[in-house]
């Protein structure tokens, strides 16, 4: 593929195809609709399926059914659609159904402003399912990330049998940039581990040393059970407290204990700096420009760009922040991820700048925060 001039949503669609996506269902919503449009062009020629549901609830339901049949699936929406996903998202968490969900965030609350960007759903994506169990959330900063992180999202959904969010926003998804997909470092495709033949199958059973169960598609020759209710390894409903506790702990630990395996980030380190700026998404681009300006002025700062937001990459944040006297956090919201930074770095001088008025945070504003302690 030659050098292309594309928007983030197109890069996400192409990344999905590179990852082996076979099924997409969605409902049109600004600013995510062009993902649907692109998948409608890309999937059918390869034998894939692209559907428009009557609403977001039906769309994610179609995806979960296709995933249970063994297909790699994706849906895309914005904040109001994620609200409607909640019940089925919980089903995917509890029944370990792989799915990639693109949330092209826009200014909220409620229907908010469809043509203005924000990062207001950061906590929502983490806690938007009943039970409080973890999901994976990856945050792109540019077109290249939209492509590569989408491939990673499919791999992670397959490997850990869980929902994976791509936390884009309007500014990233609808901005056009030049990119050569062939020049990007794309990870090898992964697929969920299938249960070995000739052995009894427990749909939620795990072997020693494993935290994610083997998979068989609905309709296999062996009996496959799925349920949204509390269940044991057999898939039958259970009320046994010990069995429930083991299952809940496994669902949490299969992601939390493996976070180091999918901690994606960029670092711009300055050896003489005593201030570390932490940012993600499109705001990280403004932070990079601000950091470059500070360096030219002889007042260097370091920058840590987080691309894995949930589960929180705790080891990374603690390690990278250890030597700094001051931490500056910038977000396109009124303070969501900064709470995790404060939790992880007690005693540190942490300064926050948040903005949620439909405008991008400019580099000049971040520079002001850096220069005023």
Protein backbone atom coordinates (compact mmCIF):
# COMPACT_ATOMS: atom_id res chain seq x y z
CA UNK A 1 0.00 0.00 0.00
CA UNK A 2 1.44 3.40 -1.02
CA UNK A 3 1.58 6.52 1.10
CA UNK A 4 -2.01 7.48 1.87
CA UNK A 5 -3.75 10.58 3.15
CA UNK A 6 -6.43 9.28 5.47
CA UNK A 7 -8.44 10.08 8.57
CA UNK A 8 -8.20 8.17 11.81
CA UNK A 9 -11.46 6.29 11.27
CA UNK A 10 -10.21 4.95 7.95
CA UNK A 11 -6.97 3.85 9.61
CA UNK A 12 -8.98 2.03 12.29
CA UNK A 13 -10.97 0.21 9.61
CA UNK A 14 -7.80 -0.77 7.75
CA UNK A 15 -6.19 -1.89 11.01
CA UNK A 16 -9.22 -4.07 11.69
CA UNK A 17 -8.84 -5.73 8.31
CA UNK A 18 -5.12 -6.25 8.91
CA UNK A 19 -6.02 -7.95 12.21
CA UNK A 20 -8.41 -10.35 10.49
CA UNK A 21 -11.76 -8.76 11.34
CA UNK A 22 -14.60 -10.78 9.81
CA UNK A 23 -17.72 -9.07 11.18
CA UNK A 24 -18.81 -5.52 11.90
CA UNK A 25 -22.15 -4.26 13.14
CA UNK A 26 -22.92 -0.69 14.10
CA UNK A 27 -25.37 2.16 14.08
CA UNK A 28 -24.54 5.52 12.49
CA UNK A 29 -23.40 8.14 14.99
CA UNK A 30 -21.16 11.17 14.62
CA UNK A 31 -18.14 11.07 14.76
CA UNK A 32 -17.83 7.27 14.36
CA UNK A 33 -19.95 6.74 11.23
CA UNK A 34 -17.06 6.70 8.76
CA UNK A 35 -15.70 3.56 10.46
CA UNK A 36 -18.98 1.89 9.50
CA UNK A 37 -18.74 3.34 5.97
CA UNK A 38 -15.22 1.99 5.52
CA UNK A 39 -16.06 -1.45 6.89
CA UNK A 40 -19.01 -1.61 4.50
CA UNK A 41 -16.56 -1.18 1.63
CA UNK A 42 -13.81 -3.42 3.01
CA UNK A 43 -15.51 -6.46 4.53
CA UNK A 44 -17.87 -7.90 1.86
CA UNK A 45 -15.16 -8.30 -0.84
CA UNK A 46 -13.19 -10.50 1.60
CA UNK A 47 -16.20 -12.63 2.54
CA UNK A 48 -16.83 -10.70 5.74
CA UNK A 49 -20.13 -9.35 7.03
CA UNK A 50 -21.09 -5.73 7.75
CA UNK A 51 -24.50 -4.97 9.26
CA UNK A 52 -26.40 -1.92 10.43
CA UNK A 53 -28.40 -2.70 13.53
CA UNK A 54 -31.62 -0.94 14.39
CA UNK A 55 -29.76 0.61 17.30
CA UNK A 56 -26.56 0.23 19.32
CA UNK A 57 -28.02 -2.48 21.54
CA UNK A 58 -28.79 -4.69 18.55
CA UNK A 59 -25.45 -3.90 16.93
CA UNK A 60 -23.29 -5.06 19.83
CA UNK A 61 -25.60 -8.06 20.24
CA UNK A 62 -24.95 -9.08 16.62
CA UNK A 63 -21.23 -8.77 17.29
CA UNK A 64 -21.34 -10.95 20.40
CA UNK A 65 -23.28 -13.64 18.56
CA UNK A 66 -20.76 -13.63 15.72
CA UNK A 67 -17.90 -13.77 18.20
CA UNK A 68 -19.44 -16.75 19.99
CA UNK A 69 -19.49 -18.44 16.58
CA UNK A 70 -15.74 -17.86 16.32
CA UNK A 71 -15.49 -14.68 14.24
CA UNK A 72 -13.28 -11.67 14.94
CA UNK A 73 -15.67 -8.77 15.50
CA UNK A 74 -15.74 -5.00 15.93
CA UNK A 75 -18.31 -2.29 16.55
CA UNK A 76 -17.93 1.49 16.72
CA UNK A 77 -19.88 4.27 18.36
CA UNK A 78 -19.56 7.38 20.51
CA UNK A 79 -20.45 8.13 24.14
CA UNK A 80 -24.27 7.90 23.79
CA UNK A 81 -23.87 4.49 22.12
CA UNK A 82 -21.54 3.20 24.84
CA UNK A 83 -24.33 4.04 27.28
CA UNK A 84 -26.56 1.60 25.41
CA UNK A 85 -23.83 -1.05 25.23
CA UNK A 86 -23.61 -1.44 28.99
CA UNK A 87 -25.69 -4.60 29.52
CA UNK A 88 -24.13 -6.46 26.59
CA UNK A 89 -20.69 -5.24 27.59
CA UNK A 90 -21.23 -6.89 30.97
CA UNK A 91 -22.24 -10.07 29.15
CA UNK A 92 -19.00 -9.97 27.16
CA UNK A 93 -16.94 -9.50 30.33
CA UNK A 94 -18.65 -12.25 32.30
CA UNK A 95 -18.94 -14.75 29.45
CA UNK A 96 -15.47 -13.96 28.06
CA UNK A 97 -16.56 -13.01 24.55
CA UNK A 98 -13.87 -11.26 22.48
CA UNK A 99 -14.93 -7.95 20.93
CA UNK A 100 -13.24 -4.71 19.84
CA UNK A 101 -15.23 -1.55 20.58
CA UNK A 102 -14.20 1.77 19.08
CA UNK A 103 -15.41 4.75 21.10
CA UNK A 104 -14.91 7.93 19.06
CA UNK A 105 -15.49 10.28 21.97
CA UNK A 106 -17.36 13.55 21.61
CA UNK A 107 -18.30 16.31 24.01
CA UNK A 108 -20.87 15.20 26.59
CA UNK A 109 -22.80 14.73 28.75
CA UNK A 110 -25.72 12.98 27.09
CA UNK A 111 -25.92 13.76 23.36
CA UNK A 112 -23.70 16.77 24.02
CA UNK A 113 -22.08 18.16 20.89
CA UNK A 114 -21.69 15.70 18.04
CA UNK A 115 -19.00 17.72 16.25
CA UNK A 116 -16.81 18.61 19.23
CA UNK A 117 -14.17 16.33 20.69
CA UNK A 118 -13.40 15.44 24.29
CA UNK A 119 -11.94 12.66 26.40
CA UNK A 120 -14.89 12.56 28.74
CA UNK A 121 -15.54 8.80 28.64
CA UNK A 122 -12.25 7.63 30.15
CA UNK A 123 -13.72 6.47 33.47
CA UNK A 124 -16.95 5.43 31.72
CA UNK A 125 -15.19 2.86 29.55
CA UNK A 126 -13.50 1.39 32.62
CA UNK A 127 -16.56 1.20 34.87
CA UNK A 128 -19.38 0.98 32.31
CA UNK A 129 -20.26 -2.62 33.11
CA UNK A 130 -22.00 -4.16 36.09
CA UNK A 131 -19.70 -5.94 38.50
CA UNK A 132 -16.70 -3.64 38.19
CA UNK A 133 -14.43 -6.14 36.44
CA UNK A 134 -11.66 -4.80 34.19
CA UNK A 135 -11.59 -4.23 30.45
CA UNK A 136 -8.69 -3.14 28.24
CA UNK A 137 -8.66 0.45 26.93
CA UNK A 138 -6.08 1.64 24.38
CA UNK A 139 -5.75 5.33 23.43
CA UNK A 140 -4.32 6.38 20.04
CA UNK A 141 -2.63 9.75 19.57
CA UNK A 142 -2.44 9.86 15.77
CA UNK A 143 -3.29 8.05 12.54
CA UNK A 144 -0.44 5.55 12.93
CA UNK A 145 -1.72 4.58 16.37
CA UNK A 146 -5.25 4.22 15.00
CA UNK A 147 -3.92 1.52 12.68
CA UNK A 148 -1.46 -0.31 14.93
CA UNK A 149 -3.45 -0.14 18.17
CA UNK A 150 -6.47 -1.57 16.35
CA UNK A 151 -4.39 -4.62 15.41
CA UNK A 152 -3.22 -4.90 19.02
CA UNK A 153 -6.83 -4.55 20.21
CA UNK A 154 -7.95 -7.56 18.16
CA UNK A 155 -4.99 -9.61 19.36
CA UNK A 156 -5.71 -8.77 22.99
CA UNK A 157 -9.44 -9.47 22.65
CA UNK A 158 -8.59 -12.88 21.22
CA UNK A 159 -5.81 -13.76 23.66
CA UNK A 160 -7.63 -12.71 26.83
CA UNK A 161 -11.21 -13.28 25.61
CA UNK A 162 -12.46 -9.89 26.69
CA UNK A 163 -13.78 -6.56 25.38
CA UNK A 164 -11.09 -4.13 24.23
CA UNK A 165 -11.89 -0.45 23.76
CA UNK A 166 -10.11 1.91 21.40
CA UNK A 167 -10.48 5.33 23.04
CA UNK A 168 -10.32 7.62 20.03
CA UNK A 169 -12.02 11.00 19.84
CA UNK A 170 -13.44 13.27 17.17
CA UNK A 171 -10.19 15.17 16.66
CA UNK A 172 -8.11 12.04 16.03
CA UNK A 173 -10.73 10.13 14.07
CA UNK A 174 -11.70 12.91 11.67
CA UNK A 175 -8.27 14.45 11.10
CA UNK A 176 -6.43 13.45 7.92
CA UNK A 177 -2.71 12.67 7.95
CA UNK A 178 -0.23 10.98 5.64
CA UNK A 179 0.64 7.41 6.55
CA UNK A 180 2.22 4.40 4.88
CA UNK A 181 0.62 1.33 6.47
CA UNK A 182 3.29 -0.92 4.96
CA UNK A 183 5.97 0.95 6.90
CA UNK A 184 4.29 0.35 10.27
CA UNK A 185 5.42 -2.35 12.68
CA UNK A 186 2.36 -4.59 12.80
CA UNK A 187 2.22 -7.43 15.34
CA UNK A 188 1.54 -10.95 14.18
CA UNK A 189 -2.12 -11.91 14.25
CA UNK A 190 -3.33 -13.88 17.25
CA UNK A 191 -6.45 -15.98 17.60
CA UNK A 192 -8.16 -17.41 20.64
CA UNK A 193 -6.84 -20.77 21.80
CA UNK A 194 -9.15 -23.59 20.74
CA UNK A 195 -9.89 -26.52 23.01
CA UNK A 196 -7.97 -29.69 22.11
CA UNK A 197 -9.93 -32.42 20.39
CA UNK A 198 -10.86 -35.67 22.07
CA UNK A 199 -11.18 -34.28 25.59
CA UNK A 200 -14.18 -33.24 27.68
CA UNK A 201 -14.86 -29.53 27.19
CA UNK A 202 -15.54 -27.11 30.04
CA UNK A 203 -16.46 -23.75 28.46
CA UNK A 204 -15.04 -21.78 31.38
CA UNK A 205 -12.49 -24.24 32.67
CA UNK A 206 -8.79 -23.39 32.80
CA UNK A 207 -5.74 -25.62 32.92
CA UNK A 208 -2.87 -25.19 35.35
CA UNK A 209 -0.99 -21.99 34.62
CA UNK A 210 -3.80 -20.53 32.50
CA UNK A 211 -6.23 -17.76 33.37
CA UNK A 212 -8.13 -17.67 30.07
CA UNK A 213 -10.28 -20.67 29.05
CA UNK A 214 -9.98 -22.51 25.76
CA UNK A 215 -12.62 -21.76 23.12
CA UNK A 216 -15.08 -23.70 21.03
CA UNK A 217 -17.64 -22.00 18.77
CA UNK A 218 -21.35 -22.28 19.33
CA UNK A 219 -22.48 -25.14 17.09
CA UNK A 220 -19.38 -27.28 17.58
CA UNK A 221 -19.83 -31.04 17.76
CA UNK A 222 -19.18 -30.80 21.49
CA UNK A 223 -21.72 -29.05 23.70
CA UNK A 224 -20.91 -25.35 24.23
CA UNK A 225 -22.76 -23.35 26.87
CA UNK A 226 -22.98 -19.58 27.23
CA UNK A 227 -24.80 -17.73 29.98
CA UNK A 228 -24.97 -14.20 31.31
CA UNK A 229 -25.60 -15.51 34.82
CA UNK A 230 -22.98 -16.37 37.44
CA UNK A 231 -21.52 -19.69 36.40
CA UNK A 232 -18.81 -22.19 37.12
CA UNK A 233 -16.33 -23.88 34.81
CA UNK A 234 -19.09 -26.03 33.27
CA UNK A 235 -21.17 -23.01 32.23
CA UNK A 236 -24.02 -24.00 34.53
CA UNK A 237 -25.43 -21.36 36.89
CA UNK A 238 -23.97 -21.56 40.38
CA UNK A 239 -24.60 -19.96 43.76
CA UNK A 240 -21.61 -21.59 45.44
CA UNK A 241 -19.61 -18.74 47.09
CA UNK A 242 -16.24 -20.43 46.65
CA UNK A 243 -16.82 -21.16 42.98
CA UNK A 244 -18.09 -17.61 42.38
CA UNK A 245 -15.08 -16.11 44.19
CA UNK A 246 -12.64 -18.16 42.10
CA UNK A 247 -14.33 -17.11 38.88
CA UNK A 248 -14.42 -13.40 39.79
CA UNK A 249 -10.78 -13.43 40.85
CA UNK A 250 -9.76 -15.11 37.60
CA UNK A 251 -11.67 -12.60 35.46
CA UNK A 252 -9.82 -9.79 37.20
CA UNK A 253 -6.39 -11.38 37.36
CA UNK A 254 -6.26 -12.54 33.73
CA UNK A 255 -5.98 -8.86 32.76
CA UNK A 256 -4.46 -7.14 35.78
CA UNK A 257 -1.63 -9.63 36.13
CA UNK A 258 -0.81 -9.36 32.42
CA UNK A 259 -0.92 -5.57 32.03
CA UNK A 260 2.83 -5.45 31.50
CA UNK A 261 2.36 -7.51 28.33
CA UNK A 262 0.27 -4.79 26.69
CA UNK A 263 1.60 -1.56 28.18
CA UNK A 264 1.97 0.72 25.17
CA UNK A 265 3.53 4.16 25.56
CA UNK A 266 5.88 6.76 24.12
CA UNK A 267 8.55 8.49 26.18
CA UNK A 268 10.46 11.69 25.50
CA UNK A 269 13.03 11.81 28.29
CA UNK A 270 15.21 14.78 29.21
CA UNK A 271 17.98 13.80 31.66
CA UNK A 272 18.13 17.22 33.33
CA UNK A 273 14.38 17.72 33.69
CA UNK A 274 12.70 17.73 37.09
CA UNK A 275 9.17 17.84 35.66
CA UNK A 276 7.34 14.99 33.95
CA UNK A 277 4.27 15.69 31.81
CA UNK A 278 1.78 12.82 31.47
CA UNK A 279 -0.83 12.90 28.71
CA UNK A 280 -2.72 10.65 26.29
CA UNK A 281 -4.79 10.91 23.14
CA UNK A 282 -4.75 14.06 21.04
CA UNK A 283 -3.69 16.11 24.09
CA UNK A 284 -0.38 14.24 24.07
CA UNK A 285 0.40 15.88 20.73
CA UNK A 286 -0.05 19.33 22.23
CA UNK A 287 2.07 18.25 25.21
CA UNK A 288 4.86 17.16 22.86
CA UNK A 289 4.88 20.57 21.14
CA UNK A 290 4.90 22.26 24.55
CA UNK A 291 7.80 20.07 25.72
CA UNK A 292 9.79 20.92 22.60
CA UNK A 293 9.24 24.63 23.22
CA UNK A 294 10.38 24.29 26.83
CA UNK A 295 13.56 22.58 25.67
CA UNK A 296 14.31 25.39 23.22
CA UNK A 297 13.93 27.85 26.09
CA UNK A 298 16.47 25.95 28.17
CA UNK A 299 13.86 24.58 30.60
CA UNK A 300 13.47 20.95 29.51
CA UNK A 301 10.65 18.70 30.70
CA UNK A 302 10.11 15.00 30.06
CA UNK A 303 6.94 13.59 28.54
CA UNK A 304 5.21 10.23 29.06
CA UNK A 305 2.45 9.43 26.55
CA UNK A 306 0.17 6.67 27.79
CA UNK A 307 -1.48 4.47 25.17
CA UNK A 308 -2.68 1.77 27.57
CA UNK A 309 -5.12 3.40 30.00
CA UNK A 310 -6.89 0.41 31.55
CA UNK A 311 -5.91 -1.69 33.37
CA UNK A 312 -3.68 1.05 34.71
CA UNK A 313 -0.01 0.39 33.82
CA UNK A 314 1.01 0.93 37.41
CA UNK A 315 4.57 -0.37 37.17
CA UNK A 316 5.32 1.86 34.19
CA UNK A 317 3.93 5.02 35.79
CA UNK A 318 5.74 4.47 39.08
CA UNK A 319 9.02 3.70 37.34
CA UNK A 320 8.93 6.64 34.93
CA UNK A 321 7.80 9.15 37.59
CA UNK A 322 10.20 8.08 40.35
CA UNK A 323 13.00 10.58 39.73
CA UNK A 324 10.83 13.63 39.06
CA UNK A 325 10.05 16.35 41.58
CA UNK A 326 6.84 17.42 39.84
CA UNK A 327 4.21 15.73 37.67
CA UNK A 328 1.94 17.67 35.29
CA UNK A 329 -1.15 15.88 33.93
CA UNK A 330 -3.21 17.29 31.05
CA UNK A 331 -6.53 15.84 29.89
CA UNK A 332 -9.46 16.90 27.70
CA UNK A 333 -11.85 16.47 30.60
CA UNK A 334 -12.27 17.84 34.11
CA UNK A 335 -10.03 15.28 35.80
CA UNK A 336 -10.46 11.55 35.23
CA UNK A 337 -7.15 9.79 34.71
CA UNK A 338 -5.30 12.19 36.99
CA UNK A 339 -7.02 10.39 39.88
CA UNK A 340 -5.05 7.26 39.01
CA UNK A 341 -1.80 9.24 38.90
CA UNK A 342 -2.52 10.72 42.33
CA UNK A 343 -3.33 7.26 43.67
CA UNK A 344 -0.07 5.80 42.37
CA UNK A 345 2.20 8.69 43.34
CA UNK A 346 1.28 9.79 46.86
CA UNK A 347 3.47 12.60 48.11
CA UNK A 348 4.38 13.81 44.63
CA UNK A 349 3.73 17.39 43.58
CA UNK A 350 1.01 16.74 40.97
CA UNK A 351 -0.49 19.58 38.95
CA UNK A 352 -3.49 19.09 36.69
CA UNK A 353 -4.92 20.99 33.78
CA UNK A 354 -8.24 19.90 32.34
CA UNK A 355 -10.44 21.43 29.69
CA UNK A 356 -13.79 20.25 28.35
CA UNK A 357 -15.37 23.01 26.28
CA UNK A 358 -15.22 21.46 22.82
CA UNK A 359 -11.82 22.95 22.00
CA UNK A 360 -8.44 21.26 21.88
CA UNK A 361 -5.97 22.06 24.65
CA UNK A 362 -3.31 24.22 22.94
CA UNK A 363 0.43 23.74 23.59
CA UNK A 364 0.61 27.28 24.95
CA UNK A 365 -1.78 26.39 27.77
CA UNK A 366 0.27 23.35 28.75
CA UNK A 367 3.41 25.52 28.74
CA UNK A 368 1.70 27.94 31.11
CA UNK A 369 0.91 25.13 33.52
CA UNK A 370 4.49 23.85 33.32
CA UNK A 371 5.96 27.31 34.01
CA UNK A 372 3.71 28.16 36.98
CA UNK A 373 4.25 25.97 40.02
